[in-house]
């Protein structure tokens, strides 16, 4: 893996992890984590570490940065179809994170385990 590839992947992973950490709902956080796992799987788990010094801006800006970082992965060897799948997953995660608690996963109501 080239250094430029590793940097692009690390950026995408960092922004996805930050979105998962700052999600306002459990379903949203899990959806961002699933997107991150899909990215790792696309690179056969041969991925660089996250940047733990990153301080995320607001969620809307973070989403835009994550989407841009995912887009750059096509020029770093990731299949364009996989890039589109990651974009779709990112958008789905954002939608799930924005849903009010009463509209989320009706099979697991809040407060039950």
PDB file of N, CA and C in Angstrom:
ATOM      1  N   UNK A   1       0.848  -1.173   0.000  1.00  0.00           N
ATOM      2  CA  UNK A   1       0.000   0.000   0.000  1.00  0.00           C
ATOM      3  C   UNK A   1       0.894   1.236   0.000  1.00  0.00           C
ATOM      4  N   UNK A   2       0.561   2.159  -0.877  1.00  0.00           N
ATOM      5  CA  UNK A   2       1.313   3.405  -0.954  1.00  0.00           C
ATOM      6  C   UNK A   2       0.917   4.334   0.194  1.00  0.00           C
ATOM      7  N   UNK A   3       1.803   5.270   0.512  1.00  0.00           N
ATOM      8  CA  UNK A   3       1.536   6.207   1.597  1.00  0.00           C
ATOM      9  C   UNK A   3       0.273   7.026   1.322  1.00  0.00           C
ATOM     10  N   UNK A   4       0.097   7.477   0.093  1.00  0.00           N
ATOM     11  CA  UNK A   4      -1.099   8.267  -0.253  1.00  0.00           C
ATOM     12  C   UNK A   4      -2.370   7.444  -0.045  1.00  0.00           C
ATOM     13  N   UNK A   5      -2.320   6.154  -0.374  1.00  0.00           N
ATOM     14  CA  UNK A   5      -3.463   5.272  -0.153  1.00  0.00           C
ATOM     15  C   UNK A   5      -3.766   5.151   1.340  1.00  0.00           C
ATOM     16  N   UNK A   6      -2.727   4.943   2.121  1.00  0.00           N
ATOM     17  CA  UNK A   6      -2.901   4.788   3.566  1.00  0.00           C
ATOM     18  C   UNK A   6      -3.488   6.056   4.193  1.00  0.00           C
ATOM     19  N   UNK A   7      -3.045   7.214   3.722  1.00  0.00           N
ATOM     20  CA  UNK A   7      -3.567   8.477   4.253  1.00  0.00           C
ATOM     21  C   UNK A   7      -5.040   8.638   3.901  1.00  0.00           C
ATOM     22  N   UNK A   8      -5.406   8.324   2.663  1.00  0.00           N
ATOM     23  CA  UNK A   8      -6.807   8.445   2.236  1.00  0.00           C
ATOM     24  C   UNK A   8      -7.707   7.512   3.034  1.00  0.00           C
ATOM     25  N   UNK A   9      -7.264   6.287   3.235  1.00  0.00           N
ATOM     26  CA  UNK A   9      -8.053   5.325   3.999  1.00  0.00           C
ATOM     27  C   UNK A   9      -8.156   5.764   5.461  1.00  0.00           C
ATOM     28  N   UNK A  10      -7.052   6.219   6.024  1.00  0.00           N
ATOM     29  CA  UNK A  10      -7.059   6.664   7.426  1.00  0.00           C
ATOM     30  C   UNK A  10      -8.013   7.841   7.616  1.00  0.00           C
ATOM     31  N   UNK A  11      -8.040   8.758   6.654  1.00  0.00           N
ATOM     32  CA  UNK A  11      -8.964   9.887   6.760  1.00  0.00           C
ATOM     33  C   UNK A  11     -10.412   9.411   6.756  1.00  0.00           C
ATOM     34  N   UNK A  12     -10.755   8.561   5.804  1.00  0.00           N
ATOM     35  CA  UNK A  12     -12.127   8.057   5.728  1.00  0.00           C
ATOM     36  C   UNK A  12     -12.499   7.317   7.007  1.00  0.00           C
ATOM     37  N   UNK A  13     -11.597   6.493   7.519  1.00  0.00           N
ATOM     38  CA  UNK A  13     -11.870   5.748   8.748  1.00  0.00           C
ATOM     39  C   UNK A  13     -12.046   6.687   9.936  1.00  0.00           C
ATOM     40  N   UNK A  14     -11.203   7.710  10.009  1.00  0.00           N
ATOM     41  CA  UNK A  14     -11.270   8.661  11.119  1.00  0.00           C
ATOM     42  C   UNK A  14     -12.604   9.385  11.138  1.00  0.00           C
ATOM     43  N   UNK A  15     -13.049   9.857   9.979  1.00  0.00           N
ATOM     44  CA  UNK A  15     -14.303  10.613   9.919  1.00  0.00           C
ATOM     45  C   UNK A  15     -15.501   9.716  10.204  1.00  0.00           C
ATOM     46  N   UNK A  16     -15.477   8.483   9.713  1.00  0.00           N
ATOM     47  CA  UNK A  16     -16.575   7.562  10.005  1.00  0.00           C
ATOM     48  C   UNK A  16     -16.623   7.233  11.497  1.00  0.00           C
ATOM     49  N   UNK A  17     -15.471   7.020  12.097  1.00  0.00           N
ATOM     50  CA  UNK A  17     -15.435   6.731  13.533  1.00  0.00           C
ATOM     51  C   UNK A  17     -15.920   7.934  14.339  1.00  0.00           C
ATOM     52  N   UNK A  18     -15.540   9.136  13.916  1.00  0.00           N
ATOM     53  CA  UNK A  18     -15.995  10.341  14.615  1.00  0.00           C
ATOM     54  C   UNK A  18     -17.507  10.492  14.499  1.00  0.00           C
ATOM     55  N   UNK A  19     -18.062  10.196  13.328  1.00  0.00           N
ATOM     56  CA  UNK A  19     -19.512  10.248  13.170  1.00  0.00           C
ATOM     57  C   UNK A  19     -20.192   9.234  14.084  1.00  0.00           C
ATOM     58  N   UNK A  20     -19.630   8.041  14.177  1.00  0.00           N
ATOM     59  CA  UNK A  20     -20.204   7.022  15.062  1.00  0.00           C
ATOM     60  C   UNK A  20     -20.138   7.475  16.521  1.00  0.00           C
ATOM     61  N   UNK A  21     -19.048   8.108  16.896  1.00  0.00           N
ATOM     62  CA  UNK A  21     -18.885   8.567  18.280  1.00  0.00           C
ATOM     63  C   UNK A  21     -19.791   9.737  18.634  1.00  0.00           C
ATOM     64  N   UNK A  22     -20.107  10.571  17.647  1.00  0.00           N
ATOM     65  CA  UNK A  22     -20.915  11.757  17.923  1.00  0.00           C
ATOM     66  C   UNK A  22     -22.375  11.587  17.534  1.00  0.00           C
ATOM     67  N   UNK A  23     -22.765  10.410  17.095  1.00  0.00           N
ATOM     68  CA  UNK A  23     -24.162  10.173  16.710  1.00  0.00           C
ATOM     69  C   UNK A  23     -25.076  10.403  17.908  1.00  0.00           C
ATOM     70  N   UNK A  24     -26.251  10.902  17.626  1.00  0.00           N
ATOM     71  CA  UNK A  24     -27.197  11.207  18.699  1.00  0.00           C
ATOM     72  C   UNK A  24     -28.125  10.049  19.014  1.00  0.00           C
ATOM     73  N   UNK A  25     -28.100   9.024  18.173  1.00  0.00           N
ATOM     74  CA  UNK A  25     -28.953   7.855  18.415  1.00  0.00           C
ATOM     75  C   UNK A  25     -28.117   6.583  18.338  1.00  0.00           C
ATOM     76  N   UNK A  26     -28.586   5.555  18.998  1.00  0.00           N
ATOM     77  CA  UNK A  26     -27.898   4.264  18.957  1.00  0.00           C
ATOM     78  C   UNK A  26     -27.943   3.686  17.548  1.00  0.00           C
ATOM     79  N   UNK A  27     -29.098   3.748  16.896  1.00  0.00           N
ATOM     80  CA  UNK A  27     -29.208   3.220  15.542  1.00  0.00           C
ATOM     81  C   UNK A  27     -28.269   3.947  14.588  1.00  0.00           C
ATOM     82  N   UNK A  28     -28.157   5.261  14.729  1.00  0.00           N
ATOM     83  CA  UNK A  28     -27.245   6.027  13.889  1.00  0.00           C
ATOM     84  C   UNK A  28     -25.804   5.628  14.121  1.00  0.00           C
ATOM     85  N   UNK A  29     -25.434   5.489  15.384  1.00  0.00           N
ATOM     86  CA  UNK A  29     -24.069   5.098  15.719  1.00  0.00           C
ATOM     87  C   UNK A  29     -23.735   3.720  15.143  1.00  0.00           C
ATOM     88  N   UNK A  30     -24.666   2.784  15.283  1.00  0.00           N
ATOM     89  CA  UNK A  30     -24.445   1.439  14.747  1.00  0.00           C
ATOM     90  C   UNK A  30     -24.344   1.456  13.227  1.00  0.00           C
ATOM     91  N   UNK A  31     -25.127   2.303  12.576  1.00  0.00           N
ATOM     92  CA  UNK A  31     -25.070   2.386  11.116  1.00  0.00           C
ATOM     93  C   UNK A  31     -23.729   2.957  10.654  1.00  0.00           C
ATOM     94  N   UNK A  32     -23.203   3.962  11.374  1.00  0.00           N
ATOM     95  CA  UNK A  32     -21.876   4.490  11.032  1.00  0.00           C
ATOM     96  C   UNK A  32     -20.800   3.429  11.262  1.00  0.00           C
ATOM     97  N   UNK A  33     -20.917   2.680  12.338  1.00  0.00           N
ATOM     98  CA  UNK A  33     -19.957   1.595  12.615  1.00  0.00           C
ATOM     99  C   UNK A  33     -20.005   0.538  11.519  1.00  0.00           C
ATOM    100  N   UNK A  34     -21.202   0.228  11.033  1.00  0.00           N
ATOM    101  CA  UNK A  34     -21.341  -0.749   9.955  1.00  0.00           C
ATOM    102  C   UNK A  34     -20.670  -0.240   8.682  1.00  0.00           C
ATOM    103  N   UNK A  35     -20.790   1.047   8.417  1.00  0.00           N
ATOM    104  CA  UNK A  35     -20.116   1.642   7.261  1.00  0.00           C
ATOM    105  C   UNK A  35     -18.605   1.534   7.418  1.00  0.00           C
ATOM    106  N   UNK A  36     -18.110   1.794   8.617  1.00  0.00           N
ATOM    107  CA  UNK A  36     -16.680   1.673   8.892  1.00  0.00           C
ATOM    108  C   UNK A  36     -16.212   0.229   8.711  1.00  0.00           C
ATOM    109  N   UNK A  37     -16.981  -0.716   9.192  1.00  0.00           N
ATOM    110  CA  UNK A  37     -16.621  -2.127   9.012  1.00  0.00           C
ATOM    111  C   UNK A  37     -16.617  -2.524   7.537  1.00  0.00           C
ATOM    112  N   UNK A  38     -17.558  -1.986   6.772  1.00  0.00           N
ATOM    113  CA  UNK A  38     -17.590  -2.277   5.333  1.00  0.00           C
ATOM    114  C   UNK A  38     -16.360  -1.722   4.634  1.00  0.00           C
ATOM    115  N   UNK A  39     -15.927  -0.543   5.046  1.00  0.00           N
ATOM    116  CA  UNK A  39     -14.699   0.029   4.489  1.00  0.00           C
ATOM    117  C   UNK A  39     -13.508  -0.859   4.823  1.00  0.00           C
ATOM    118  N   UNK A  40     -13.416  -1.291   6.056  1.00  0.00           N
ATOM    119  CA  UNK A  40     -12.310  -2.168   6.458  1.00  0.00           C
ATOM    120  C   UNK A  40     -12.334  -3.478   5.677  1.00  0.00           C
ATOM    121  N   UNK A  41     -13.516  -4.014   5.464  1.00  0.00           N
ATOM    122  CA  UNK A  41     -13.655  -5.262   4.714  1.00  0.00           C
ATOM    123  C   UNK A  41     -13.238  -5.064   3.260  1.00  0.00           C
ATOM    124  N   UNK A  42     -13.549  -3.910   2.693  1.00  0.00           N
ATOM    125  CA  UNK A  42     -13.181  -3.634   1.303  1.00  0.00           C
ATOM    126  C   UNK A  42     -11.669  -3.665   1.114  1.00  0.00           C
ATOM    127  N   UNK A  43     -10.936  -3.330   2.155  1.00  0.00           N
ATOM    128  CA  UNK A  43      -9.471  -3.362   2.100  1.00  0.00           C
ATOM    129  C   UNK A  43      -8.910  -4.586   2.813  1.00  0.00           C
ATOM    130  N   UNK A  44      -9.751  -5.590   3.021  1.00  0.00           N
ATOM    131  CA  UNK A  44      -9.344  -6.854   3.648  1.00  0.00           C
ATOM    132  C   UNK A  44      -8.669  -6.619   4.996  1.00  0.00           C
ATOM    133  N   UNK A  45      -9.178  -5.654   5.746  1.00  0.00           N
ATOM    134  CA  UNK A  45      -8.667  -5.313   7.074  1.00  0.00           C
ATOM    135  C   UNK A  45      -7.193  -4.923   7.080  1.00  0.00           C
ATOM    136  N   UNK A  46      -6.637  -4.622   5.910  1.00  0.00           N
ATOM    137  CA  UNK A  46      -5.260  -4.119   5.822  1.00  0.00           C
ATOM    138  C   UNK A  46      -5.339  -2.602   5.779  1.00  0.00           C
ATOM    139  N   UNK A  47      -5.697  -2.024   6.933  1.00  0.00           N
ATOM    140  CA  UNK A  47      -5.979  -0.598   6.984  1.00  0.00           C
ATOM    141  C   UNK A  47      -5.131   0.082   8.061  1.00  0.00           C
ATOM    142  N   UNK A  48      -4.824   1.360   7.847  1.00  0.00           N
ATOM    143  CA  UNK A  48      -4.042   2.092   8.851  1.00  0.00           C
ATOM    144  C   UNK A  48      -4.895   2.431  10.065  1.00  0.00           C
ATOM    145  N   UNK A  49      -4.236   2.798  11.122  1.00  0.00           N
ATOM    146  CA  UNK A  49      -4.924   3.148  12.368  1.00  0.00           C
ATOM    147  C   UNK A  49      -5.668   4.469  12.218  1.00  0.00           C
ATOM    148  N   UNK A  50      -6.595   4.696  13.145  1.00  0.00           N
ATOM    149  CA  UNK A  50      -7.334   5.950  13.182  1.00  0.00           C
ATOM    150  C   UNK A  50      -6.448   7.059  13.729  1.00  0.00           C
ATOM    151  N   UNK A  51      -6.755   8.285  13.348  1.00  0.00           N
ATOM    152  CA  UNK A  51      -6.061   9.452  13.882  1.00  0.00           C
ATOM    153  C   UNK A  51      -6.764   9.848  15.173  1.00  0.00           C
ATOM    154  N   UNK A  52      -6.166   9.551  16.315  1.00  0.00           N
ATOM    155  CA  UNK A  52      -6.836   9.823  17.591  1.00  0.00           C
ATOM    156  C   UNK A  52      -6.629  11.252  18.087  1.00  0.00           C
ATOM    157  N   UNK A  53      -5.953  12.081  17.304  1.00  0.00           N
ATOM    158  CA  UNK A  53      -5.802  13.489  17.681  1.00  0.00           C
ATOM    159  C   UNK A  53      -6.836  14.362  16.977  1.00  0.00           C
ATOM    160  N   UNK A  54      -7.704  13.732  16.223  1.00  0.00           N
ATOM    161  CA  UNK A  54      -8.710  14.445  15.433  1.00  0.00           C
ATOM    162  C   UNK A  54      -9.800  15.005  16.343  1.00  0.00           C
ATOM    163  N   UNK A  55     -10.160  16.267  16.129  1.00  0.00           N
ATOM    164  CA  UNK A  55     -11.242  16.899  16.871  1.00  0.00           C
ATOM    165  C   UNK A  55     -12.330  17.270  15.873  1.00  0.00           C
ATOM    166  N   UNK A  56     -13.450  16.545  15.881  1.00  0.00           N
ATOM    167  CA  UNK A  56     -14.452  16.741  14.837  1.00  0.00           C
ATOM    168  C   UNK A  56     -15.176  18.081  14.939  1.00  0.00           C
ATOM    169  N   UNK A  57     -15.468  18.666  13.761  1.00  0.00           N
ATOM    170  CA  UNK A  57     -16.324  19.860  13.745  1.00  0.00           C
ATOM    171  C   UNK A  57     -17.776  19.431  13.938  1.00  0.00           C
ATOM    172  N   UNK A  58     -18.718  20.298  13.610  1.00  0.00           N
ATOM    173  CA  UNK A  58     -20.121  19.924  13.771  1.00  0.00           C
ATOM    174  C   UNK A  58     -20.469  18.747  12.851  1.00  0.00           C
ATOM    175  N   UNK A  59     -21.572  18.085  13.143  1.00  0.00           N
ATOM    176  CA  UNK A  59     -21.937  16.853  12.452  1.00  0.00           C
ATOM    177  C   UNK A  59     -22.138  17.048  10.955  1.00  0.00           C
ATOM    178  N   UNK A  60     -22.763  18.144  10.539  1.00  0.00           N
ATOM    179  CA  UNK A  60     -22.995  18.377   9.112  1.00  0.00           C
ATOM    180  C   UNK A  60     -21.672  18.510   8.361  1.00  0.00           C
ATOM    181  N   UNK A  61     -20.745  19.253   8.929  1.00  0.00           N
ATOM    182  CA  UNK A  61     -19.433  19.397   8.297  1.00  0.00           C
ATOM    183  C   UNK A  61     -18.688  18.069   8.298  1.00  0.00           C
ATOM    184  N   UNK A  62     -18.796  17.339   9.382  1.00  0.00           N
ATOM    185  CA  UNK A  62     -18.137  16.043   9.489  1.00  0.00           C
ATOM    186  C   UNK A  62     -18.674  15.079   8.439  1.00  0.00           C
ATOM    187  N   UNK A  63     -19.982  15.094   8.207  1.00  0.00           N
ATOM    188  CA  UNK A  63     -20.583  14.234   7.187  1.00  0.00           C
ATOM    189  C   UNK A  63     -20.043  14.595   5.807  1.00  0.00           C
ATOM    190  N   UNK A  64     -19.958  15.882   5.505  1.00  0.00           N
ATOM    191  CA  UNK A  64     -19.434  16.324   4.210  1.00  0.00           C
ATOM    192  C   UNK A  64     -17.980  15.913   4.026  1.00  0.00           C
ATOM    193  N   UNK A  65     -17.193  16.042   5.085  1.00  0.00           N
ATOM    194  CA  UNK A  65     -15.780  15.651   5.021  1.00  0.00           C
ATOM    195  C   UNK A  65     -15.651  14.140   4.830  1.00  0.00           C
ATOM    196  N   UNK A  66     -16.478  13.378   5.537  1.00  0.00           N
ATOM    197  CA  UNK A  66     -16.446  11.915   5.401  1.00  0.00           C
ATOM    198  C   UNK A  66     -16.832  11.506   3.989  1.00  0.00           C
ATOM    199  N   UNK A  67     -17.855  12.138   3.431  1.00  0.00           N
ATOM    200  CA  UNK A  67     -18.279  11.817   2.064  1.00  0.00           C
ATOM    201  C   UNK A  67     -17.165  12.126   1.066  1.00  0.00           C
ATOM    202  N   UNK A  68     -16.497  13.256   1.249  1.00  0.00           N
ATOM    203  CA  UNK A  68     -15.385  13.616   0.362  1.00  0.00           C
ATOM    204  C   UNK A  68     -14.227  12.631   0.509  1.00  0.00           C
ATOM    205  N   UNK A  69     -13.942  12.232   1.743  1.00  0.00           N
ATOM    206  CA  UNK A  69     -12.851  11.276   1.980  1.00  0.00           C
ATOM    207  C   UNK A  69     -13.160   9.924   1.331  1.00  0.00           C
ATOM    208  N   UNK A  70     -14.417   9.503   1.405  1.00  0.00           N
ATOM    209  CA  UNK A  70     -14.811   8.243   0.768  1.00  0.00           C
ATOM    210  C   UNK A  70     -14.669   8.367  -0.746  1.00  0.00           C
ATOM    211  N   UNK A  71     -15.054   9.517  -1.300  1.00  0.00           N
ATOM    212  CA  UNK A  71     -14.950   9.720  -2.751  1.00  0.00           C
ATOM    213  C   UNK A  71     -13.513   9.584  -3.242  1.00  0.00           C
ATOM    214  N   UNK A  72     -12.558  10.038  -2.458  1.00  0.00           N
ATOM    215  CA  UNK A  72     -11.150   9.972  -2.896  1.00  0.00           C
ATOM    216  C   UNK A  72     -10.624   8.539  -2.938  1.00  0.00           C
ATOM    217  N   UNK A  73     -11.301   7.616  -2.284  1.00  0.00           N
ATOM    218  CA  UNK A  73     -10.809   6.237  -2.239  1.00  0.00           C
ATOM    219  C   UNK A  73     -10.839   5.571  -3.612  1.00  0.00           C
ATOM    220  N   UNK A  74     -11.694   6.049  -4.515  1.00  0.00           N
ATOM    221  CA  UNK A  74     -11.732   5.486  -5.868  1.00  0.00           C
ATOM    222  C   UNK A  74     -10.404   5.701  -6.580  1.00  0.00           C
ATOM    223  N   UNK A  75      -9.748   6.814  -6.297  1.00  0.00           N
ATOM    224  CA  UNK A  75      -8.449   7.070  -6.925  1.00  0.00           C
ATOM    225  C   UNK A  75      -7.305   6.394  -6.170  1.00  0.00           C
ATOM    226  N   UNK A  76      -7.646   5.671  -5.109  1.00  0.00           N
ATOM    227  CA  UNK A  76      -6.626   4.947  -4.334  1.00  0.00           C
ATOM    228  C   UNK A  76      -6.887   3.448  -4.351  1.00  0.00           C
ATOM    229  N   UNK A  77      -7.500   2.983  -5.441  1.00  0.00           N
ATOM    230  CA  UNK A  77      -7.614   1.546  -5.660  1.00  0.00           C
ATOM    231  C   UNK A  77      -8.918   0.890  -5.255  1.00  0.00           C
ATOM    232  N   UNK A  78      -9.837   1.621  -4.643  1.00  0.00           N
ATOM    233  CA  UNK A  78     -11.109   1.000  -4.251  1.00  0.00           C
ATOM    234  C   UNK A  78     -12.053   1.011  -5.447  1.00  0.00           C
ATOM    235  N   UNK A  79     -12.747  -0.097  -5.649  1.00  0.00           N
ATOM    236  CA  UNK A  79     -13.699  -0.246  -6.737  1.00  0.00           C
ATOM    237  C   UNK A  79     -14.763   0.860  -6.661  1.00  0.00           C
ATOM    238  N   UNK A  80     -15.040   1.547  -7.763  1.00  0.00           N
ATOM    239  CA  UNK A  80     -16.044   2.620  -7.738  1.00  0.00           C
ATOM    240  C   UNK A  80     -17.413   2.166  -7.238  1.00  0.00           C
ATOM    241  N   UNK A  81     -17.776   0.934  -7.500  1.00  0.00           N
ATOM    242  CA  UNK A  81     -19.051   0.420  -6.993  1.00  0.00           C
ATOM    243  C   UNK A  81     -19.020   0.342  -5.467  1.00  0.00           C
ATOM    244  N   UNK A  82     -17.900  -0.054  -4.911  1.00  0.00           N
ATOM    245  CA  UNK A  82     -17.742  -0.101  -3.454  1.00  0.00           C
ATOM    246  C   UNK A  82     -17.810   1.305  -2.858  1.00  0.00           C
ATOM    247  N   UNK A  83     -17.251   2.276  -3.572  1.00  0.00           N
ATOM    248  CA  UNK A  83     -17.317   3.672  -3.121  1.00  0.00           C
ATOM    249  C   UNK A  83     -18.776   4.122  -3.074  1.00  0.00           C
ATOM    250  N   UNK A  84     -19.540   3.796  -4.101  1.00  0.00           N
ATOM    251  CA  UNK A  84     -20.959   4.171  -4.118  1.00  0.00           C
ATOM    252  C   UNK A  84     -21.725   3.473  -2.998  1.00  0.00           C
ATOM    253  N   UNK A  85     -21.394   2.234  -2.718  1.00  0.00           N
ATOM    254  CA  UNK A  85     -22.031   1.511  -1.613  1.00  0.00           C
ATOM    255  C   UNK A  85     -21.723   2.186  -0.283  1.00  0.00           C
ATOM    256  N   UNK A  86     -20.476   2.599  -0.090  1.00  0.00           N
ATOM    257  CA  UNK A  86     -20.106   3.294   1.142  1.00  0.00           C
ATOM    258  C   UNK A  86     -20.833   4.631   1.265  1.00  0.00           C
ATOM    259  N   UNK A  87     -20.999   5.336   0.146  1.00  0.00           N
ATOM    260  CA  UNK A  87     -21.766   6.590   0.172  1.00  0.00           C
ATOM    261  C   UNK A  87     -23.217   6.326   0.564  1.00  0.00           C
ATOM    262  N   UNK A  88     -23.795   5.284   0.013  1.00  0.00           N
ATOM    263  CA  UNK A  88     -25.186   4.948   0.345  1.00  0.00           C
ATOM    264  C   UNK A  88     -25.319   4.584   1.823  1.00  0.00           C
ATOM    265  N   UNK A  89     -24.351   3.835   2.335  1.00  0.00           N
ATOM    266  CA  UNK A  89     -24.374   3.457   3.747  1.00  0.00           C
ATOM    267  C   UNK A  89     -24.206   4.687   4.637  1.00  0.00           C
ATOM    268  N   UNK A  90     -23.337   5.613   4.240  1.00  0.00           N
ATOM    269  CA  UNK A  90     -23.123   6.839   4.999  1.00  0.00           C
ATOM    270  C   UNK A  90     -24.409   7.668   5.043  1.00  0.00           C
ATOM    271  N   UNK A  91     -25.076   7.788   3.902  1.00  0.00           N
ATOM    272  CA  UNK A  91     -26.332   8.543   3.858  1.00  0.00           C
ATOM    273  C   UNK A  91     -27.415   7.860   4.688  1.00  0.00           C
ATOM    274  N   UNK A  92     -27.461   6.538   4.639  1.00  0.00           N
ATOM    275  CA  UNK A  92     -28.431   5.803   5.445  1.00  0.00           C
ATOM    276  C   UNK A  92     -28.155   5.992   6.938  1.00  0.00           C
ATOM    277  N   UNK A  93     -26.891   5.975   7.302  1.00  0.00           N
ATOM    278  CA  UNK A  93     -26.530   6.188   8.713  1.00  0.00           C
ATOM    279  C   UNK A  93     -26.949   7.579   9.165  1.00  0.00           C
ATOM    280  N   UNK A  94     -26.754   8.567   8.312  1.00  0.00           N
ATOM    281  CA  UNK A  94     -27.161   9.935   8.664  1.00  0.00           C
ATOM    282  C   UNK A  94     -28.673  10.014   8.847  1.00  0.00           C
ATOM    283  N   UNK A  95     -29.412   9.350   7.968  1.00  0.00           N
ATOM    284  CA  UNK A  95     -30.871   9.329   8.083  1.00  0.00           C
ATOM    285  C   UNK A  95     -31.298   8.671   9.389  1.00  0.00           C
ATOM    286  N   UNK A  96     -30.672   7.547   9.733  1.00  0.00           N
ATOM    287  CA  UNK A  96     -31.014   6.857  10.974  1.00  0.00           C
ATOM    288  C   UNK A  96     -30.660   7.697  12.194  1.00  0.00           C
ATOM    289  N   UNK A  97     -29.578   8.448  12.106  1.00  0.00           N
ATOM    290  CA  UNK A  97     -29.163   9.268  13.234  1.00  0.00           C
ATOM    291  C   UNK A  97     -30.092  10.458  13.440  1.00  0.00           C
ATOM    292  N   UNK A  98     -30.761  10.880  12.395  1.00  0.00           N
ATOM    293  CA  UNK A  98     -31.650  12.031  12.491  1.00  0.00           C
ATOM    294  C   UNK A  98     -33.080  11.662  12.874  1.00  0.00           C
ATOM    295  N   UNK A  99     -33.409  10.375  12.889  1.00  0.00           N
ATOM    296  CA  UNK A  99     -34.773   9.977  13.222  1.00  0.00           C
ATOM    297  C   UNK A  99     -35.051  10.199  14.697  1.00  0.00           C
ATOM    298  N   UNK A 100     -36.252  10.684  15.008  1.00  0.00           N
ATOM    299  CA  UNK A 100     -36.607  10.816  16.423  1.00  0.00           C
ATOM    300  C   UNK A 100     -36.695   9.441  17.075  1.00  0.00           C
ATOM    301  N   UNK A 101     -36.467   9.351  18.386  1.00  0.00           N
ATOM    302  CA  UNK A 101     -36.443   8.060  19.072  1.00  0.00           C
ATOM    303  C   UNK A 101     -37.691   7.214  18.852  1.00  0.00           C
ATOM    304  N   UNK A 102     -38.863   7.821  18.697  1.00  0.00           N
ATOM    305  CA  UNK A 102     -40.075   7.032  18.523  1.00  0.00           C
ATOM    306  C   UNK A 102     -40.184   6.410  17.137  1.00  0.00           C
ATOM    307  N   UNK A 103     -39.359   6.817  16.180  1.00  0.00           N
ATOM    308  CA  UNK A 103     -39.379   6.275  14.824  1.00  0.00           C
ATOM    309  C   UNK A 103     -38.278   5.243  14.593  1.00  0.00           C
ATOM    310  N   UNK A 104     -37.429   5.024  15.572  1.00  0.00           N
ATOM    311  CA  UNK A 104     -36.300   4.121  15.406  1.00  0.00           C
ATOM    312  C   UNK A 104     -36.710   2.700  15.718  1.00  0.00           C
ATOM    313  N   UNK A 105     -36.052   1.789  15.102  1.00  0.00           N
ATOM    314  CA  UNK A 105     -36.160   0.350  15.273  1.00  0.00           C
ATOM    315  C   UNK A 105     -37.305  -0.081  16.188  1.00  0.00           C
ATOM    316  N   UNK A 106     -38.494  -0.298  15.625  1.00  0.00           N
ATOM    317  CA  UNK A 106     -39.650  -0.648  16.458  1.00  0.00           C
ATOM    318  C   UNK A 106     -39.507  -2.003  17.151  1.00  0.00           C
ATOM    319  N   UNK A 107     -38.582  -2.839  16.697  1.00  0.00           N
ATOM    320  CA  UNK A 107     -38.381  -4.138  17.339  1.00  0.00           C
ATOM    321  C   UNK A 107     -37.622  -4.033  18.656  1.00  0.00           C
ATOM    322  N   UNK A 108     -36.913  -2.912  18.877  1.00  0.00           N
ATOM    323  CA  UNK A 108     -36.151  -2.706  20.114  1.00  0.00           C
ATOM    324  C   UNK A 108     -36.525  -1.364  20.711  1.00  0.00           C
ATOM    325  N   UNK A 109     -37.663  -1.282  21.391  1.00  0.00           N
ATOM    326  CA  UNK A 109     -38.057   0.002  21.999  1.00  0.00           C
ATOM    327  C   UNK A 109     -37.039   0.477  23.017  1.00  0.00           C
ATOM    328  N   UNK A 110     -36.945   1.792  23.159  1.00  0.00           N
ATOM    329  CA  UNK A 110     -36.018   2.374  24.120  1.00  0.00           C
ATOM    330  C   UNK A 110     -36.363   1.873  25.512  1.00  0.00           C
ATOM    331  N   UNK A 111     -35.355   1.596  26.283  1.00  0.00           N
ATOM    332  CA  UNK A 111     -35.558   1.202  27.666  1.00  0.00           C
ATOM    333  C   UNK A 111     -35.657  -0.291  27.887  1.00  0.00           C
ATOM    334  N   UNK A 112     -35.796  -1.072  26.803  1.00  0.00           N
ATOM    335  CA  UNK A 112     -35.844  -2.532  26.949  1.00  0.00           C
ATOM    336  C   UNK A 112     -34.515  -3.109  26.575  1.00  0.00           C
ATOM    337  N   UNK A 113     -34.163  -4.265  27.150  1.00  0.00           N
ATOM    338  CA  UNK A 113     -32.900  -4.909  26.787  1.00  0.00           C
ATOM    339  C   UNK A 113     -33.117  -6.262  26.204  1.00  0.00           C
TER     340      UNK A 113
END
